[in-house]
Protein backbone atom coordinates (compact mmCIF):
# COMPACT_ATOMS: atom_id res chain seq x y z
CA MET A 1 9.65 51.71 6.26
CA SER A 2 6.51 50.63 8.14
CA ALA A 3 5.22 47.08 7.94
CA PRO A 4 2.35 46.50 5.49
CA LYS A 5 -1.13 46.11 6.95
CA LEU A 6 -2.72 42.66 6.95
CA GLN A 7 -6.51 42.58 6.81
CA LEU A 8 -7.92 39.06 7.16
CA GLY A 9 -11.13 37.87 5.55
CA TRP A 10 -13.41 35.45 7.40
CA ILE A 11 -15.59 32.63 6.04
CA GLY A 12 -18.03 30.90 8.37
CA LEU A 13 -16.52 32.77 11.32
CA GLU A 14 -18.87 35.76 11.48
CA ALA A 15 -22.36 36.09 12.91
CA ALA A 16 -23.44 37.46 9.52
CA PRO A 17 -21.52 36.18 6.46
CA ALA A 18 -19.35 38.95 5.03
CA GLU A 19 -18.79 39.68 1.34
CA LEU A 20 -15.15 39.40 0.29
CA ALA A 21 -14.03 41.49 -2.69
CA PRO A 22 -12.35 39.28 -5.35
CA SER A 23 -9.72 41.95 -6.06
CA HIS A 24 -8.62 41.89 -2.40
CA PHE A 25 -9.30 38.30 -1.29
CA GLY A 26 -9.36 36.41 -4.59
CA SER A 27 -12.30 34.92 -6.48
CA LYS A 28 -12.05 31.59 -4.62
CA ALA A 29 -12.54 33.18 -1.19
CA SER A 30 -15.25 35.48 -2.54
CA GLU A 31 -17.19 32.49 -3.84
CA LEU A 32 -16.65 30.53 -0.59
CA ALA A 33 -18.15 33.43 1.34
CA GLY A 34 -21.04 33.50 -1.12
CA MET A 35 -21.68 29.77 -0.66
CA ALA A 36 -21.65 30.18 3.12
CA ALA A 37 -24.19 33.02 2.79
CA LEU A 38 -26.45 30.65 0.81
CA GLY A 39 -26.33 28.18 3.70
CA LEU A 40 -24.27 25.60 1.80
CA PRO A 41 -21.85 23.35 3.73
CA VAL A 42 -18.51 25.23 3.63
CA PRO A 43 -15.75 24.49 6.18
CA PRO A 44 -14.76 27.65 8.13
CA ALA A 45 -11.73 29.55 6.86
CA PHE A 46 -9.76 32.78 6.97
CA VAL A 47 -8.11 34.52 4.03
CA LEU A 48 -4.85 36.42 3.56
CA PRO A 49 -5.23 39.18 0.93
CA THR A 50 -3.75 39.56 -2.55
CA THR A 51 -2.06 42.78 -1.40
CA PHE A 52 0.36 40.72 0.68
CA CYS A 53 1.60 38.73 -2.33
CA GLY A 54 3.94 41.49 -3.55
CA PRO A 55 5.67 42.09 -0.19
CA ILE A 56 6.19 38.35 0.31
CA LEU A 57 7.57 37.95 -3.23
CA SER A 58 10.02 40.80 -2.55
CA GLY A 59 11.29 39.11 0.64
CA ASP A 60 10.10 41.95 2.92
CA GLU A 61 11.04 40.80 6.45
CA LYS A 62 8.49 43.08 8.12
CA ALA A 63 5.77 41.59 5.92
CA GLN A 64 6.81 38.09 6.93
CA ALA A 65 6.57 39.02 10.62
CA VAL A 66 3.09 40.46 10.05
CA LEU A 67 2.16 37.30 8.15
CA ARG A 68 3.14 35.16 11.14
CA SER A 69 0.98 37.21 13.51
CA GLY A 70 -1.96 37.16 11.08
CA LEU A 71 -1.76 33.38 10.77
CA ALA A 72 -1.73 33.02 14.56
CA GLU A 73 -4.82 35.26 14.82
CA GLY A 74 -6.64 33.27 12.15
CA VAL A 75 -5.83 29.92 13.75
CA GLU A 76 -7.11 31.18 17.11
CA ARG A 77 -10.45 32.00 15.48
CA LEU A 78 -10.61 28.58 13.76
CA GLU A 79 -9.86 26.85 17.06
CA ALA A 80 -12.69 28.74 18.77
CA ALA A 81 -15.12 27.93 15.95
CA THR A 82 -14.29 24.21 15.72
CA GLY A 83 -13.45 23.30 19.31
CA ARG A 84 -10.13 21.85 18.13
CA LYS A 85 -6.55 22.95 18.71
CA PHE A 86 -3.57 23.08 16.37
CA GLY A 87 -1.18 20.20 17.19
CA ASP A 88 -3.40 18.82 19.96
CA ALA A 89 -3.08 15.27 21.30
CA ARG A 90 -6.84 14.72 21.63
CA ALA A 91 -8.84 17.03 19.34
CA PRO A 92 -6.38 18.35 16.74
CA LEU A 93 -7.15 21.00 14.12
CA PHE A 94 -5.88 20.51 10.59
CA VAL A 95 -6.07 23.01 7.73
CA SER A 96 -5.58 23.30 4.00
CA VAL A 97 -3.66 26.22 2.50
CA ARG A 98 -4.96 27.21 -0.93
CA SER A 99 -4.30 29.90 -3.52
CA GLY A 100 -6.88 32.18 -5.15
CA ALA A 101 -6.26 35.09 -7.52
CA GLU A 102 -8.88 37.63 -8.61
CA GLN A 103 -9.44 35.52 -11.73
CA SER A 104 -9.28 31.74 -11.77
CA MET A 105 -5.98 30.07 -12.73
CA PRO A 106 -6.86 26.35 -12.38
CA GLY A 107 -3.94 24.27 -11.16
CA MET A 108 -1.31 26.94 -11.79
CA LEU A 109 -0.67 27.86 -8.15
CA GLU A 110 0.20 25.69 -5.14
CA THR A 111 -1.87 24.00 -2.44
CA VAL A 112 -0.78 22.29 0.78
CA LEU A 113 -3.24 19.99 2.58
CA ASP A 114 -3.19 18.39 6.06
CA VAL A 115 -1.19 21.19 7.69
CA GLY A 116 -0.90 20.57 11.44
CA MET A 117 0.20 16.93 11.20
CA ASN A 118 3.04 15.89 13.50
CA ALA A 119 3.98 13.09 15.90
CA VAL A 120 1.51 14.39 18.51
CA SER A 121 -1.49 15.35 16.38
CA VAL A 122 -1.42 12.11 14.38
CA HIS A 123 -2.28 10.24 17.58
CA GLY A 124 -4.81 12.94 18.42
CA GLN A 125 -6.56 12.19 15.14
CA ILE A 126 -6.57 8.48 15.93
CA ARG A 127 -8.15 9.20 19.32
CA ALA A 128 -10.72 11.56 17.79
CA THR A 129 -11.74 9.35 14.85
CA GLY A 130 -10.75 5.81 15.77
CA ASN A 131 -9.24 5.62 12.30
CA PRO A 132 -5.45 5.04 12.32
CA ARG A 133 -5.39 4.53 8.56
CA LEU A 134 -6.75 8.04 8.00
CA ALA A 135 -4.20 9.53 10.38
CA PHE A 136 -1.09 7.93 8.90
CA ASP A 137 -2.31 8.35 5.30
CA SER A 138 -2.84 12.08 5.92
CA TRP A 139 0.56 12.44 7.58
CA ARG A 140 2.46 10.79 4.74
CA ARG A 141 0.57 12.98 2.26
CA PHE A 142 1.47 16.10 4.23
CA ILE A 143 5.18 15.24 4.44
CA GLN A 144 5.35 14.77 0.67
CA SER A 145 3.31 17.88 -0.13
CA TYR A 146 5.29 20.09 2.24
CA ALA A 147 8.64 18.80 0.97
CA GLU A 148 7.60 19.45 -2.65
CA VAL A 149 5.80 22.78 -2.33
CA VAL A 150 7.74 24.40 0.53
CA GLY A 151 11.04 22.51 0.36
CA GLY A 152 11.29 22.39 -3.44
CA MET A 153 11.90 18.63 -3.63
CA GLU A 154 11.10 16.53 -6.69
CA ILE A 155 8.10 14.20 -6.49
CA ALA A 156 9.96 11.13 -7.84
CA PRO A 157 11.61 9.86 -4.60
CA PHE A 158 8.25 9.81 -2.80
CA ASP A 159 6.44 8.15 -5.68
CA GLN A 160 9.17 5.51 -5.87
CA ALA A 161 8.97 4.81 -2.12
CA LEU A 162 5.18 4.50 -2.36
CA ALA A 163 5.48 2.13 -5.32
CA ARG A 164 7.97 -0.04 -3.39
CA MET A 165 5.61 -0.19 -0.40
CA ILE A 166 2.65 -1.16 -2.59
CA GLN A 167 4.71 -3.93 -4.20
CA SER A 168 6.13 -5.24 -0.90
CA GLU A 169 2.65 -5.35 0.66
CA GLY A 170 1.21 -7.16 -2.37
CA VAL A 171 -1.68 -4.73 -2.88
CA ALA A 172 -3.05 -3.14 -6.04
CA HIS A 173 -2.80 0.52 -5.05
CA GLU A 174 -2.17 2.90 -2.15
CA GLY A 175 -5.80 2.76 -1.04
CA GLU A 176 -5.25 -0.85 0.07
CA LEU A 177 -2.25 -0.14 2.33
CA ASP A 178 -3.04 -0.84 5.99
CA PRO A 179 -2.25 1.56 8.87
CA GLU A 180 0.97 -0.23 9.81
CA ALA A 181 2.33 0.03 6.25
CA LEU A 182 1.38 3.70 6.11
CA GLU A 183 3.12 4.34 9.44
CA ARG A 184 6.30 2.81 8.01
CA LEU A 185 5.85 4.96 4.91
CA VAL A 186 5.67 8.07 7.12
CA ALA A 187 9.03 7.16 8.66
CA GLU A 188 10.55 6.61 5.22
CA PHE A 189 9.14 9.89 3.91
CA LEU A 190 10.62 11.81 6.85
CA VAL A 191 14.05 10.40 6.03
CA LEU A 192 13.62 11.15 2.32
CA ALA A 193 12.57 14.73 3.01
CA GLU A 194 15.47 15.46 5.40
CA ASP A 195 15.82 19.27 5.66
CA ALA A 196 12.68 19.77 3.53
CA ALA A 197 10.47 17.90 6.01
CA PRO A 198 7.77 19.90 7.81
CA PRO A 199 8.86 21.30 11.20
CA PRO A 200 7.07 19.88 14.27
CA ASP A 201 5.51 23.26 15.20
CA PRO A 202 2.15 23.56 13.34
CA LEU A 203 2.36 27.37 13.19
CA GLU A 204 5.78 27.12 11.53
CA GLN A 205 4.29 24.62 9.08
CA LEU A 206 1.47 27.04 8.34
CA PHE A 207 3.85 29.96 7.78
CA GLY A 208 5.98 27.88 5.39
CA ALA A 209 2.91 26.72 3.45
CA ALA A 210 1.31 30.19 3.19
CA ARG A 211 4.60 31.77 2.07
CA ALA A 212 5.10 29.02 -0.55
CA VAL A 213 1.60 29.56 -1.97
CA TYR A 214 2.32 33.28 -2.32
CA LEU A 215 5.68 32.52 -3.98
CA SER A 216 4.01 30.16 -6.50
CA TRP A 217 2.62 33.28 -8.17
CA ASN A 218 5.95 33.64 -10.00
CA SER A 219 6.32 29.99 -11.01
CA PRO A 220 7.02 29.42 -14.74
CA ARG A 221 3.67 27.67 -15.31
CA ALA A 222 1.73 30.49 -13.61
CA GLU A 223 3.57 33.14 -15.61
CA THR A 224 2.95 31.21 -18.84
CA TYR A 225 -0.77 30.84 -18.05
CA ARG A 226 -1.16 34.56 -17.32
CA ARG A 227 0.63 35.44 -20.55
CA LEU A 228 -1.52 33.08 -22.64
CA ASN A 229 -4.76 34.30 -21.04
CA GLY A 230 -4.09 38.06 -20.86
CA LEU A 231 -3.94 38.16 -17.05
CA GLY A 232 -0.81 40.26 -16.68
CA HIS A 233 -2.77 42.94 -14.81
CA LEU A 234 -3.46 40.74 -11.76
CA LEU A 235 -1.72 41.85 -8.56
CA GLY A 236 -1.13 38.41 -7.06
CA THR A 237 -2.82 35.57 -5.25
CA ALA A 238 -4.68 35.50 -1.97
CA VAL A 239 -4.17 32.57 0.43
CA ALA A 240 -7.12 30.77 2.04
CA VAL A 241 -6.55 28.75 5.23
CA GLN A 242 -9.50 26.39 5.61
CA THR A 243 -10.46 23.72 8.14
CA MET A 244 -9.64 20.30 6.64
CA VAL A 245 -12.31 17.81 5.74
CA PHE A 246 -11.00 14.37 4.91
CA GLY A 247 -11.99 12.56 1.74
CA ASN A 248 -9.54 9.80 2.64
CA ALA A 249 -11.56 8.75 5.71
CA GLY A 250 -12.81 5.45 4.26
CA GLY A 251 -15.36 3.92 1.91
CA ALA A 252 -18.07 6.53 2.52
CA SER A 253 -15.63 9.35 1.83
CA GLY A 254 -13.90 10.82 -1.19
CA SER A 255 -13.18 13.93 -3.22
CA GLY A 256 -14.41 15.17 -6.55
CA VAL A 257 -15.03 17.92 -9.07
CA ALA A 258 -18.49 18.59 -10.50
CA PHE A 259 -19.81 20.81 -13.28
CA SER A 260 -23.42 21.93 -13.30
CA ARG A 261 -23.43 21.27 -17.07
CA ASP A 262 -21.21 19.31 -19.43
CA PRO A 263 -18.16 21.58 -20.02
CA ALA A 264 -17.35 19.78 -23.27
CA THR A 265 -20.74 19.94 -25.00
CA GLY A 266 -22.81 22.32 -22.84
CA ALA A 267 -25.52 19.69 -22.22
CA LYS A 268 -27.65 20.36 -19.13
CA ALA A 269 -26.65 17.49 -16.85
CA LEU A 270 -24.46 17.16 -13.76
CA TYR A 271 -20.96 16.18 -14.84
CA ALA A 272 -18.70 14.88 -12.08
CA ASP A 273 -15.51 12.95 -11.43
CA PHE A 274 -15.07 11.37 -8.00
CA LEU A 275 -12.46 9.24 -6.26
CA PHE A 276 -13.41 7.25 -3.18
CA ASP A 277 -11.10 7.38 -0.17
CA ALA A 278 -9.06 10.20 -1.70
CA GLN A 279 -8.12 13.83 -1.19
CA GLY A 280 -8.80 16.59 -3.70
CA GLU A 281 -5.32 16.69 -5.20
CA ASP A 282 -5.76 13.03 -6.25
CA VAL A 283 -8.64 14.07 -8.52
CA VAL A 284 -7.27 17.22 -10.14
CA SER A 285 -3.71 15.90 -10.54
CA GLY A 286 -4.86 13.41 -13.17
CA ARG A 287 -2.80 10.61 -11.63
CA ARG A 288 -5.83 8.37 -11.02
CA THR A 289 -8.91 7.66 -13.11
CA PRO A 290 -12.13 8.55 -11.24
CA ILE A 291 -15.78 7.44 -11.46
CA ASP A 292 -18.66 9.55 -12.80
CA ALA A 293 -21.81 11.11 -11.30
CA ILE A 294 -23.98 8.04 -11.96
CA ARG A 295 -21.72 5.68 -10.02
CA LEU A 296 -21.39 8.21 -7.20
CA ARG A 297 -25.18 8.36 -6.93
CA ASP A 298 -25.33 4.55 -6.80
CA ARG A 299 -22.82 4.37 -3.92
CA LEU A 300 -23.68 7.52 -1.89
CA PRO A 301 -27.19 8.58 -2.96
CA GLU A 302 -27.80 11.11 -0.16
CA ALA A 303 -24.53 12.99 -0.68
CA ALA A 304 -24.91 12.82 -4.47
CA GLY A 305 -28.43 14.25 -4.21
CA ARG A 306 -27.22 17.12 -2.05
CA LEU A 307 -24.43 17.78 -4.55
CA ALA A 308 -26.91 17.99 -7.44
CA GLU A 309 -29.14 20.37 -5.44
CA SER A 310 -26.16 22.54 -4.52
CA ALA A 311 -24.97 22.70 -8.14
CA GLU A 312 -28.41 23.83 -9.31
CA MET A 313 -28.65 26.42 -6.52
CA LEU A 314 -25.21 27.83 -7.36
CA GLU A 315 -25.90 27.97 -11.09
CA LYS A 316 -29.10 29.94 -10.50
CA ALA A 317 -27.38 32.29 -8.03
CA ARG A 318 -24.42 32.91 -10.37
CA ARG A 319 -26.44 32.74 -13.64
CA ASP A 320 -23.72 30.62 -15.21
CA MET A 321 -22.38 27.08 -15.33
CA GLN A 322 -20.36 26.26 -12.21
CA ASP A 323 -17.20 24.24 -11.57
CA ILE A 324 -17.41 22.88 -8.00
CA GLU A 325 -14.76 21.14 -5.90
CA PHE A 326 -16.19 19.02 -3.11
CA THR A 327 -15.29 16.46 -0.47
CA ILE A 328 -17.47 13.83 1.17
CA GLU A 329 -16.36 12.84 4.68
CA ASP A 330 -18.17 9.83 6.18
CA GLY A 331 -21.16 10.48 3.91
CA LYS A 332 -21.39 14.24 4.58
CA LEU A 333 -20.93 16.70 1.71
CA PHE A 334 -18.65 19.76 1.97
CA LEU A 335 -18.14 22.34 -0.78
CA LEU A 336 -14.61 23.71 -1.15
CA GLN A 337 -14.85 25.89 -4.24
CA THR A 338 -17.15 27.14 -6.97
CA ARG A 339 -16.39 29.27 -9.99
CA SER A 340 -17.70 29.95 -13.47
CA ALA A 341 -16.49 26.91 -15.35
CA LYS A 342 -13.96 26.74 -18.14
CA ARG A 343 -15.62 25.28 -21.24
CA THR A 344 -15.04 24.53 -24.89
CA PRO A 345 -16.09 27.19 -27.43
CA ARG A 346 -18.89 24.85 -28.58
CA ALA A 347 -20.16 24.49 -24.99
CA ALA A 348 -19.91 28.25 -24.46
CA LEU A 349 -22.26 28.90 -27.38
CA ARG A 350 -24.77 26.23 -26.36
CA ILE A 351 -24.82 27.35 -22.73
CA ALA A 352 -25.32 30.99 -23.74
CA VAL A 353 -28.29 30.02 -25.93
CA ASP A 354 -29.78 27.69 -23.29
CA LEU A 355 -29.47 30.23 -20.46
CA VAL A 356 -31.45 32.72 -22.55
CA ALA A 357 -34.13 30.08 -23.17
CA GLU A 358 -34.24 29.31 -19.43
CA GLY A 359 -34.67 32.99 -18.55
CA MET A 360 -31.42 33.27 -16.58
CA ILE A 361 -29.84 35.88 -18.87
CA ASP A 362 -30.98 38.02 -21.80
CA ARG A 363 -29.65 38.02 -25.35
CA ALA A 364 -27.40 41.01 -24.75
CA GLU A 365 -25.65 39.22 -21.87
CA ALA A 366 -25.38 36.01 -23.91
CA LEU A 367 -23.71 37.88 -26.77
CA ARG A 368 -21.35 39.63 -24.35
CA ARG A 369 -20.24 36.27 -22.92
CA VAL A 370 -19.35 34.82 -26.32
CA ALA A 371 -18.03 38.03 -27.89
CA MET A 372 -14.51 36.62 -28.27
CA ILE A 373 -15.70 33.48 -30.11
CA ASP A 374 -16.12 33.34 -33.89
CA PRO A 375 -19.27 31.18 -34.28
CA ALA A 376 -18.40 30.42 -37.90
CA GLU A 377 -15.38 28.47 -36.67
CA VAL A 378 -17.30 26.44 -34.05
CA GLY A 379 -19.01 23.24 -35.06
CA GLU A 380 -18.80 19.51 -35.55
CA THR A 381 -15.51 18.10 -36.80
CA SER A 382 -15.28 14.50 -38.01
CA PHE A 383 -12.93 12.30 -39.93
CA VAL A 384 -13.73 11.96 -43.64
CA GLU A 385 -13.05 8.23 -43.68
CA GLY A 386 -13.05 5.50 -41.04
CA ALA A 387 -9.95 3.80 -39.65
CA PRO A 388 -9.40 0.90 -37.23
CA ALA A 389 -8.96 2.01 -33.61
CA VAL A 390 -5.83 0.84 -31.81
CA ALA A 391 -7.10 2.02 -28.40
CA ARG A 392 -9.97 3.84 -26.71
CA ALA A 393 -9.90 6.59 -24.06
CA ILE A 394 -12.28 8.76 -22.04
CA VAL A 395 -13.44 11.91 -23.82
CA ALA A 396 -12.56 15.05 -21.84
CA ALA A 397 -13.04 17.56 -24.69
CA PRO A 398 -14.77 16.79 -28.02
CA GLY A 399 -13.84 17.18 -31.67
CA VAL A 400 -11.25 15.39 -33.75
CA ALA A 401 -7.54 16.03 -34.13
CA CYS A 402 -4.74 14.60 -36.20
CA GLY A 403 -1.08 15.43 -35.86
CA ARG A 404 2.41 14.17 -35.22
CA ALA A 405 3.06 12.44 -31.90
CA CYS A 406 4.95 14.56 -29.35
CA PHE A 407 5.75 13.44 -25.82
CA THR A 408 6.79 16.73 -24.18
CA SER A 409 5.67 20.33 -24.48
CA ALA A 410 9.07 21.23 -25.93
CA GLN A 411 8.65 18.62 -28.68
CA ALA A 412 5.17 19.97 -29.49
CA GLU A 413 6.41 23.55 -29.68
CA GLU A 414 9.28 22.55 -31.98
CA MET A 415 6.93 20.51 -34.19
CA VAL A 416 4.57 23.46 -34.63
CA ARG A 417 7.50 25.83 -35.32
CA ARG A 418 8.32 23.55 -38.26
CA GLY A 419 4.79 24.04 -39.62
CA GLU A 420 3.46 20.63 -38.54
CA LYS A 421 0.40 19.78 -36.43
CA ALA A 422 1.09 18.18 -33.04
CA VAL A 423 -0.71 15.81 -30.68
CA LEU A 424 0.69 15.92 -27.14
CA ILE A 425 0.88 12.44 -25.58
CA ARG A 426 1.60 12.05 -21.85
CA ARG A 427 1.27 9.41 -19.15
CA ASP A 428 -0.57 11.99 -17.08
CA THR A 429 -0.67 15.68 -17.84
CA SER A 430 0.25 18.33 -15.32
CA THR A 431 -0.22 22.05 -15.39
CA GLU A 432 3.47 22.28 -16.34
CA ASP A 433 2.29 21.21 -19.82
CA VAL A 434 0.31 24.41 -20.45
CA ALA A 435 2.71 25.59 -23.18
CA GLY A 436 2.27 22.28 -25.00
CA PHE A 437 -1.53 22.54 -24.76
CA ALA A 438 -1.38 25.97 -26.35
CA VAL A 439 0.24 24.71 -29.57
CA ALA A 440 -1.06 21.12 -29.88
CA ASP A 441 -4.25 20.24 -31.75
CA GLY A 442 -5.03 17.43 -29.30
CA VAL A 443 -3.98 15.86 -26.00
CA LEU A 444 -3.93 12.15 -25.07
CA THR A 445 -3.08 10.69 -21.64
CA ALA A 446 -2.70 7.16 -20.30
CA ILE A 447 -4.31 7.95 -16.94
CA GLY A 448 -6.37 10.70 -15.35
CA GLY A 449 -9.94 11.95 -15.43
CA ARG A 450 -12.14 14.48 -17.21
CA THR A 451 -11.86 17.07 -14.43
CA SER A 452 -8.12 17.04 -13.84
CA HIS A 453 -6.56 20.50 -14.01
CA ALA A 454 -4.98 19.54 -17.31
CA ALA A 455 -8.32 18.53 -18.87
CA VAL A 456 -9.89 21.77 -17.64
CA VAL A 457 -7.16 23.84 -19.29
CA ALA A 458 -7.37 21.83 -22.53
CA ARG A 459 -11.14 22.41 -22.72
CA GLN A 460 -10.73 26.12 -22.10
CA MET A 461 -8.27 26.26 -25.02
CA GLY A 462 -10.67 24.36 -27.27
CA LYS A 463 -8.32 21.39 -27.68
CA VAL A 464 -9.47 17.83 -28.33
CA CYS A 465 -8.59 15.88 -25.17
CA LEU A 466 -8.77 12.14 -24.45
CA VAL A 467 -7.72 10.82 -21.02
CA GLY A 468 -7.40 7.49 -19.20
CA CYS A 469 -6.28 5.51 -22.28
CA ALA A 470 -5.65 2.06 -20.81
CA GLY A 471 -3.94 0.81 -23.97
CA LEU A 472 -1.26 3.52 -23.86
CA THR A 473 2.16 3.15 -22.22
CA VAL A 474 4.55 6.10 -22.56
CA ASP A 475 8.28 5.32 -22.61
CA ALA A 476 10.34 6.59 -19.69
CA ASP A 477 12.58 8.63 -22.03
CA GLU A 478 9.53 10.50 -23.44
CA ARG A 479 10.55 9.71 -26.98
CA GLY A 480 7.94 7.09 -27.80
CA ALA A 481 5.09 4.92 -26.57
CA THR A 482 3.26 1.66 -27.08
CA ILE A 483 -0.43 1.92 -27.95
CA GLY A 484 -2.65 -1.07 -28.60
CA GLY A 485 0.46 -3.23 -28.79
CA GLN A 486 2.00 -1.09 -31.54
CA ALA A 487 5.08 1.14 -31.29
CA LEU A 488 4.54 4.89 -31.61
CA ARG A 489 7.57 7.13 -32.07
CA GLN A 490 8.00 10.88 -31.97
CA GLY A 491 6.76 12.37 -35.26
CA ASP A 492 4.43 9.49 -36.19
CA TRP A 493 0.90 10.50 -37.23
CA ILE A 494 -1.86 9.85 -34.69
CA ALA A 495 -5.56 10.79 -34.68
CA LEU A 496 -7.95 11.39 -31.75
CA ASP A 497 -11.75 11.10 -32.00
CA GLY A 498 -13.41 13.18 -29.28
CA THR A 499 -16.82 11.65 -29.99
CA SER A 500 -16.11 7.94 -29.69
CA GLY A 501 -12.85 8.13 -27.74
CA ASP A 502 -11.11 6.10 -30.47
CA VAL A 503 -7.39 6.52 -31.12
CA THR A 504 -6.11 5.63 -34.58
CA LEU A 505 -2.71 5.70 -36.25
CA GLY A 506 -1.83 7.43 -39.51
CA ARG A 507 -2.82 10.68 -41.17
CA ARG A 508 -6.57 11.40 -41.58
CA ALA A 509 -8.56 14.14 -43.33
CA ILE A 510 -11.01 16.19 -41.26
CA ALA A 511 -14.46 17.56 -42.26
CA PHE A 512 -16.25 20.51 -40.59
CA GLU A 513 -19.93 21.46 -40.19
CA ILE A 514 -21.08 24.59 -38.36
CA ALA A 515 -22.94 24.00 -35.06
CA PRO A 516 -26.67 24.80 -34.61
CA GLU A 517 -25.76 27.11 -31.69
CA SER A 518 -23.37 28.99 -33.97
CA LYS A 519 -26.21 29.74 -36.38
CA ILE A 520 -28.37 31.11 -33.52
CA ILE A 521 -25.58 33.36 -32.21
CA LEU A 522 -24.83 34.62 -35.73
CA ALA A 523 -28.52 35.44 -36.21
CA TRP A 524 -28.64 37.33 -32.90
CA ARG A 525 -25.55 39.31 -33.86
CA LYS A 526 -27.12 40.17 -37.22
CA GLU A 527 -30.33 41.35 -35.52
CA ASN A 528 -28.28 43.51 -33.15
CA ALA A 529 -26.33 45.03 -36.02
CA ILE A 530 -29.55 45.85 -37.93
CA GLY A 531 -31.12 47.29 -34.76
CA SER A 532 -28.16 49.56 -34.15
CA LEU A 533 -28.54 51.06 -37.67
CA ARG A 534 -32.17 52.06 -37.12
């Protein structure tokens, strides 16, 4: 049997930007190529096609050999474009390895950042940047990511080692660890990882990362997401290998996610979450609570202004609200992804109506986009009577919800099977919780931001979602919590207010009023129906 063919896609590496078909190279790579064609700041990349996912999943040895040669070819082109070399001691190249199916599956597939880090290139980065903290922080991140994604290790040992280092150094969080502490953490991580640690050869690292991203297509969370969203027809994921830009390079750097409109309400305003001195996975993981667009503009006005301009340009080019991942390195903006944004049903209706008013789409297109939504069921929900709040959180998706407290997806599923309503309560949600989101009426987390992968999925499903609840502490055994100084056990009633962010205890009645946008869409549908009878 002959080896499968491997056709690479190029982004920022051609004299004229090429179009990349989403079915072959994934929607993420297709949009990256589109952004590059618009002249937006996109780091150069190459893409491995979706057609290679099947052969890699089947363990085809010939396919793996072809994959190795394709990766070497792609790296050679990146080196020529950037003037850097993989594993170099003076001007090293580092890359990210990202997934991208034909249709977006936010947070369901794997990513590995900082590929190319080793004992030689870490000193090359110090020479090139004069920033030893950046170098050792990136290396310790890479060791952990590689061991988890490629080696299959649990995250807990690394998190525990990091927590011990933070405590021993007497600092508040990892961002305050100095280069010497991070260098010691690298050594500890290498010991923890053992056989799962990244190999010294950067090309072997890259092969392991690319193969692991392909293999993540069959992970339980990815399979569950495809089943829930009717995506069983997709062939597999593509893999994008992109030049790294570093959001963890200091106080004028960071990573974030922005929406060109509010994905919860549909309001026309830039909506962003941003973490200073952080990499992208810090934002979307939900493990830290970020700042918003206003505070970003106050700290980095030039980069924030360019972000707002880019979001508007992309929305006009795509004729739809955009979800944009970005990194700022030493004050310079880079765009890493754009896609049509997941949104609540209420936001979907408002955006459809507003885009017609703005002349971006016509009524027929607006009705097509919201065809699967029943407008009569979309509106304002509120509690019939007031109740004292025990805590307050950040609103990630609006509405109100009341149900019995559940602390795992399995508990939520069992609660709903018994005919009860459930509220899923977590310290921080991960995409592993997608099954719990599907059945729960609401989601509450102790930490995390509005643009974490979990919040994005909750919004798409139309679930009330509150995040970053400082007054919430979830028990280690996932059977209870403390909120506002009061004990909360599995099965207790809890209520979430997605307008105020208030969390209350006890059972509460809910009122409903149809949204103004719902009335407009219903009227348009009625006009269409009458027109079709003439």
